[in-house]
């Protein structure tokens, strides 16, 4: 009885500490509060995979604590079997159950990896919008080629409209990530990667760099404004009212390293800017990671 009370006194503070720690971090779990179909599918995958793994983890933790308590030195009633060496039943359990779980996780991962391929366009009756993304030090440049506008550190999309991203970097390798919409994709100089996302709810969602890129990395964030179509059109008019145009000369100034860069609007943009940024690292050639041949060429 004394041992049970001692174990309880040890477990209660430990459990309370874990609960408090998780509560303090709950505000940062944006990935578990998706606002788009891609993010929702990824949340479901995380929950399913975690649940499957807990089928092994939880019993192992509980049995470890139980064995430590049950076979403690002071328990004279526990069976003492120093020559025990094998149990077929135990062997079957400890090999079969993990093997089944690993097989399940393998099939689940293979299936969802293909379903959530970031290069795969989203099925929708709504015409998608195109956005070109350039990772800079330490800010994000967004170009809307069909609208002829550009912004720094602010992305706006209409709710229910698929967004086709083309992503590159004009500096070191980076990673583009909007946790509540799902899927992070790398941005690399001289190459372009692709991503397809959609916002199913209106709101303001944080975007960030998820790959360390220097001293300004922690402030390399942007806001994603998911709005109605009418509000998006109003936002476009606001950007077009800017007095600044993003020419190649202006871009050279924008691309200079800055920390905590404010939001900036550009009413017009050089239509070849995105391709020029990529091509300057490849002797005029644009490399697309959606082309399998670019992988074999190294």
Protein backbone atom coordinates (compact mmCIF):
# COMPACT_ATOMS: atom_id res chain seq x y z
CA UNK A 1 0.00 0.00 0.00
CA UNK A 2 2.83 2.40 0.83
CA UNK A 3 4.45 1.65 -2.52
CA UNK A 4 1.21 2.43 -4.37
CA UNK A 5 0.90 5.76 -2.59
CA UNK A 6 4.52 6.59 -3.39
CA UNK A 7 3.98 5.74 -7.08
CA UNK A 8 0.83 7.88 -7.14
CA UNK A 9 2.64 10.82 -5.53
CA UNK A 10 5.29 10.58 -8.26
CA UNK A 11 2.93 10.21 -11.24
CA UNK A 12 0.46 13.00 -10.37
CA UNK A 13 3.01 15.88 -10.43
CA UNK A 14 4.59 14.44 -13.57
CA UNK A 15 1.25 14.24 -15.36
CA UNK A 16 0.32 17.75 -14.23
CA UNK A 17 3.62 19.14 -15.52
CA UNK A 18 3.12 17.53 -18.92
CA UNK A 19 -0.44 18.89 -19.14
CA UNK A 20 0.68 22.42 -18.25
CA UNK A 21 3.51 22.27 -20.79
CA UNK A 22 1.17 21.18 -23.57
CA UNK A 23 -1.38 23.82 -22.64
CA UNK A 24 1.28 26.49 -22.90
CA UNK A 25 2.13 25.37 -26.43
CA UNK A 26 -1.43 24.89 -27.66
CA UNK A 27 -1.52 28.33 -29.28
CA UNK A 28 1.26 27.26 -31.67
CA UNK A 29 -0.48 24.13 -32.97
CA UNK A 30 -1.71 25.80 -36.17
CA UNK A 31 -1.06 22.59 -38.08
CA UNK A 32 -3.82 20.93 -36.05
CA UNK A 33 -6.31 23.70 -36.87
CA UNK A 34 -6.53 23.42 -40.68
CA UNK A 35 -8.51 25.87 -42.80
CA UNK A 36 -8.15 24.12 -46.14
CA UNK A 37 -8.79 20.67 -47.59
CA UNK A 38 -5.08 19.89 -47.95
CA UNK A 39 -4.39 20.85 -44.34
CA UNK A 40 -7.41 18.83 -43.15
CA UNK A 41 -6.17 15.74 -45.00
CA UNK A 42 -2.72 16.14 -43.48
CA UNK A 43 -4.21 16.52 -39.99
CA UNK A 44 -6.16 13.31 -40.51
CA UNK A 45 -2.97 11.53 -41.60
CA UNK A 46 -1.09 12.78 -38.53
CA UNK A 47 -3.90 11.70 -36.19
CA UNK A 48 -4.25 8.25 -37.79
CA UNK A 49 -0.49 7.57 -37.81
CA UNK A 50 -0.10 8.80 -34.22
CA UNK A 51 -3.01 6.65 -33.05
CA UNK A 52 -1.55 3.57 -34.72
CA UNK A 53 1.86 4.14 -33.13
CA UNK A 54 0.31 4.72 -29.70
CA UNK A 55 -1.08 1.18 -29.86
CA UNK A 56 2.51 0.09 -29.15
CA UNK A 57 3.88 3.07 -27.25
CA UNK A 58 1.21 3.32 -24.55
CA UNK A 59 1.19 -0.38 -23.56
CA UNK A 60 5.01 -0.42 -23.49
CA UNK A 61 5.12 2.61 -21.17
CA UNK A 62 2.42 1.23 -18.88
CA UNK A 63 3.94 -2.26 -18.76
CA UNK A 64 7.39 -0.81 -18.03
CA UNK A 65 6.00 1.06 -15.03
CA UNK A 66 4.00 -2.00 -13.96
CA UNK A 67 6.98 -4.36 -14.18
CA UNK A 68 9.19 -1.93 -12.28
CA UNK A 69 6.61 -1.77 -9.51
CA UNK A 70 5.53 -5.42 -9.59
CA UNK A 71 9.02 -6.92 -9.54
CA UNK A 72 10.69 -4.45 -7.20
CA UNK A 73 13.18 -5.86 -4.72
CA UNK A 74 10.86 -5.29 -1.78
CA UNK A 75 7.99 -7.34 -3.24
CA UNK A 76 8.49 -10.81 -1.75
CA UNK A 77 5.33 -12.18 -3.43
CA UNK A 78 6.55 -11.72 -7.01
CA UNK A 79 7.57 -14.86 -8.88
CA UNK A 80 11.35 -15.24 -9.03
CA UNK A 81 12.49 -17.15 -12.12
CA UNK A 82 16.19 -16.50 -12.74
CA UNK A 83 16.49 -19.26 -15.37
CA UNK A 84 13.49 -18.13 -17.48
CA UNK A 85 14.61 -17.48 -21.06
CA UNK A 86 11.81 -17.86 -23.62
CA UNK A 87 8.07 -17.56 -24.20
CA UNK A 88 6.51 -18.35 -27.59
CA UNK A 89 3.38 -16.37 -26.73
CA UNK A 90 5.40 -13.26 -25.91
CA UNK A 91 7.48 -13.64 -29.10
CA UNK A 92 4.32 -13.82 -31.21
CA UNK A 93 2.85 -10.71 -29.59
CA UNK A 94 5.98 -8.52 -29.70
CA UNK A 95 6.65 -9.32 -33.37
CA UNK A 96 3.18 -9.68 -34.89
CA UNK A 97 1.53 -6.53 -33.56
CA UNK A 98 4.38 -4.14 -34.55
CA UNK A 99 4.64 -5.83 -37.97
CA UNK A 100 0.93 -5.28 -38.60
CA UNK A 101 1.17 -1.64 -37.51
CA UNK A 102 4.23 -1.01 -39.71
CA UNK A 103 2.45 -2.59 -42.69
CA UNK A 104 -0.60 -0.42 -42.03
CA UNK A 105 1.51 2.74 -41.75
CA UNK A 106 3.41 1.84 -44.93
CA UNK A 107 0.23 1.46 -46.97
CA UNK A 108 -1.26 4.61 -45.42
CA UNK A 109 1.87 6.65 -46.16
CA UNK A 110 2.14 5.41 -49.75
CA UNK A 111 -1.52 6.15 -50.44
CA UNK A 112 -1.63 9.62 -48.87
CA UNK A 113 1.76 10.62 -50.31
CA UNK A 114 0.30 10.26 -53.79
CA UNK A 115 -3.05 11.83 -52.87
CA UNK A 116 -1.36 14.86 -51.27
CA UNK A 117 1.38 15.30 -53.87
CA UNK A 118 2.07 19.08 -53.78
CA UNK A 119 2.55 19.07 -57.57
CA UNK A 120 -0.92 17.60 -58.13
CA UNK A 121 -3.50 20.30 -59.08
CA UNK A 122 -6.57 20.46 -56.88
CA UNK A 123 -9.87 19.40 -58.42
CA UNK A 124 -12.33 22.30 -58.45
CA UNK A 125 -14.96 23.95 -60.64
CA UNK A 126 -13.42 27.33 -59.77
CA UNK A 127 -10.65 28.71 -61.97
CA UNK A 128 -7.39 28.74 -59.96
CA UNK A 129 -5.20 31.79 -59.46
CA UNK A 130 -1.45 31.73 -60.07
CA UNK A 131 1.09 33.07 -57.59
CA UNK A 132 4.86 33.15 -58.02
CA UNK A 133 6.82 33.08 -54.76
CA UNK A 134 10.41 34.25 -54.29
CA UNK A 135 12.25 33.64 -51.01
CA UNK A 136 14.60 36.52 -50.20
CA UNK A 137 16.74 37.52 -47.21
CA UNK A 138 14.59 37.73 -45.05
CA UNK A 139 11.21 38.28 -46.63
CA UNK A 140 8.80 36.81 -49.17
CA UNK A 141 7.94 38.28 -52.56
CA UNK A 142 4.60 37.31 -54.11
CA UNK A 143 3.94 37.94 -57.78
CA UNK A 144 0.48 37.61 -59.35
CA UNK A 145 1.38 37.18 -63.04
CA UNK A 146 -2.22 37.20 -64.29
CA UNK A 147 -3.02 40.37 -62.37
CA UNK A 148 0.28 42.16 -62.98
CA UNK A 149 0.84 43.02 -59.30
CA UNK A 150 3.26 41.99 -56.55
CA UNK A 151 3.56 42.24 -52.77
CA UNK A 152 6.11 41.72 -50.05
CA UNK A 153 5.16 39.74 -46.93
CA UNK A 154 1.45 39.63 -47.68
CA UNK A 155 -0.46 37.01 -49.65
CA UNK A 156 -4.16 37.28 -50.47
CA UNK A 157 -6.36 34.51 -51.91
CA UNK A 158 -10.10 34.12 -52.44
CA UNK A 159 -11.85 31.50 -50.31
CA UNK A 160 -12.72 28.36 -52.25
CA UNK A 161 -10.30 29.13 -55.09
CA UNK A 162 -7.35 26.80 -55.77
CA UNK A 163 -3.97 28.55 -55.72
CA UNK A 164 -1.18 27.36 -58.02
CA UNK A 165 2.20 28.34 -56.58
CA UNK A 166 5.53 28.44 -58.40
CA UNK A 167 8.31 28.81 -55.84
CA UNK A 168 11.98 29.74 -56.06
CA UNK A 169 14.70 31.48 -54.06
CA UNK A 170 17.03 34.34 -54.88
CA UNK A 171 19.24 33.47 -51.92
CA UNK A 172 19.96 30.34 -49.89
CA UNK A 173 17.56 27.38 -49.82
CA UNK A 174 14.40 28.14 -47.90
CA UNK A 175 11.03 26.53 -47.22
CA UNK A 176 7.59 28.00 -47.89
CA UNK A 177 4.93 27.01 -45.35
CA UNK A 178 1.38 28.07 -44.44
CA UNK A 179 0.60 25.58 -41.62
CA UNK A 180 -3.18 26.00 -41.59
CA UNK A 181 -3.42 25.44 -45.34
CA UNK A 182 -0.92 22.57 -45.37
CA UNK A 183 2.30 21.31 -46.97
CA UNK A 184 5.70 22.98 -46.85
CA UNK A 185 7.79 23.06 -50.04
CA UNK A 186 11.41 24.04 -50.50
CA UNK A 187 12.49 27.14 -52.38
CA UNK A 188 15.85 26.76 -54.14
CA UNK A 189 17.89 29.18 -56.21
CA UNK A 190 17.95 28.36 -59.90
CA UNK A 191 15.01 25.97 -59.59
CA UNK A 192 11.25 26.19 -59.28
CA UNK A 193 9.05 23.95 -57.17
CA UNK A 194 5.27 23.84 -57.21
CA UNK A 195 2.50 23.74 -54.66
CA UNK A 196 -1.31 23.67 -54.82
CA UNK A 197 -3.38 24.86 -51.87
CA UNK A 198 -6.90 26.11 -51.15
CA UNK A 199 -8.48 28.04 -48.27
CA UNK A 200 -11.94 26.78 -47.33
CA UNK A 201 -12.56 29.42 -44.66
CA UNK A 202 -12.02 33.15 -44.46
CA UNK A 203 -9.35 34.33 -42.07
CA UNK A 204 -5.78 35.52 -41.64
CA UNK A 205 -3.27 32.70 -41.55
CA UNK A 206 0.41 32.91 -40.65
CA UNK A 207 2.99 31.94 -43.24
CA UNK A 208 6.62 31.36 -42.42
CA UNK A 209 10.00 30.05 -43.39
CA UNK A 210 10.53 26.53 -42.02
CA UNK A 211 14.18 26.25 -43.04
CA UNK A 212 16.92 28.17 -41.20
CA UNK A 213 18.38 30.81 -43.52
CA UNK A 214 20.41 33.21 -41.41
CA UNK A 215 20.05 35.82 -38.69
CA UNK A 216 16.73 37.21 -39.96
CA UNK A 217 15.11 33.78 -40.19
CA UNK A 218 12.89 34.08 -37.10
CA UNK A 219 11.13 37.17 -38.49
CA UNK A 220 10.74 35.83 -42.02
CA UNK A 221 6.96 35.64 -41.77
CA UNK A 222 3.98 36.79 -43.78
CA UNK A 223 0.20 36.97 -43.51
CA UNK A 224 -2.15 35.05 -45.77
CA UNK A 225 -5.48 36.84 -46.20
CA UNK A 226 -8.25 34.43 -47.20
CA UNK A 227 -11.24 36.56 -48.20
CA UNK A 228 -14.41 36.53 -50.24
CA UNK A 229 -14.06 37.19 -53.96
CA UNK A 230 -15.37 40.74 -53.57
CA UNK A 231 -12.90 41.50 -50.77
CA UNK A 232 -10.10 39.97 -52.82
CA UNK A 233 -11.01 42.20 -55.78
CA UNK A 234 -10.94 45.20 -53.42
CA UNK A 235 -7.49 44.12 -52.19
CA UNK A 236 -6.26 43.89 -55.81
CA UNK A 237 -7.49 47.44 -56.46
CA UNK A 238 -5.67 48.59 -53.33
CA UNK A 239 -2.41 47.04 -54.55
CA UNK A 240 -2.86 48.54 -58.03
CA UNK A 241 -3.28 51.95 -56.45
CA UNK A 242 0.31 51.79 -55.18
CA UNK A 243 2.69 54.31 -56.71
CA UNK A 244 5.55 51.78 -56.86
CA UNK A 245 6.26 49.53 -59.84
CA UNK A 246 8.40 46.40 -59.53
CA UNK A 247 10.83 46.77 -62.40
CA UNK A 248 14.12 44.89 -62.55
CA UNK A 249 15.89 47.93 -61.09
CA UNK A 250 13.39 48.20 -58.24
CA UNK A 251 13.68 44.47 -57.62
CA UNK A 252 17.43 44.84 -57.06
CA UNK A 253 16.59 47.15 -54.16
CA UNK A 254 13.83 44.88 -52.81
CA UNK A 255 16.15 41.85 -52.90
CA UNK A 256 18.67 43.45 -50.52
CA UNK A 257 18.78 41.64 -47.13
CA UNK A 258 16.44 43.24 -44.59
CA UNK A 259 15.03 42.06 -41.27
CA UNK A 260 11.39 42.52 -40.21
CA UNK A 261 10.53 43.89 -43.65
CA UNK A 262 7.15 45.69 -43.74
CA UNK A 263 4.36 44.84 -46.19
CA UNK A 264 4.88 46.50 -49.57
CA UNK A 265 2.64 46.76 -52.66
CA UNK A 266 3.66 47.06 -56.31
CA UNK A 267 1.04 48.20 -58.83
CA UNK A 268 2.87 46.66 -61.78
CA UNK A 269 5.57 44.01 -62.16
CA UNK A 270 7.96 43.00 -64.90
CA UNK A 271 6.24 39.94 -66.47
CA UNK A 272 9.60 38.18 -66.89
CA UNK A 273 10.82 38.83 -63.35
CA UNK A 274 10.20 35.36 -61.90
CA UNK A 275 11.81 33.53 -64.81
CA UNK A 276 14.72 35.98 -64.83
CA UNK A 277 15.38 35.27 -61.14
CA UNK A 278 15.62 31.55 -61.82
CA UNK A 279 17.52 31.88 -65.10
CA UNK A 280 20.33 33.99 -63.67
CA UNK A 281 21.58 30.90 -61.81
CA UNK A 282 21.32 28.59 -64.84
CA UNK A 283 22.80 30.49 -67.78
CA UNK A 284 19.34 31.47 -68.91
CA UNK A 285 17.70 28.06 -68.36
CA UNK A 286 14.72 27.57 -66.04
CA UNK A 287 14.73 24.29 -64.09
CA UNK A 288 11.38 22.90 -62.99
CA UNK A 289 11.41 20.25 -60.25
CA UNK A 290 8.16 18.86 -61.67
CA UNK A 291 10.25 17.58 -64.59
CA UNK A 292 11.81 14.21 -63.58
CA UNK A 293 14.77 14.84 -65.89
CA UNK A 294 16.01 17.66 -63.65
CA UNK A 295 16.61 15.14 -60.87
CA UNK A 296 18.74 12.86 -62.99
CA UNK A 297 20.79 15.80 -64.23
CA UNK A 298 21.65 16.62 -60.62
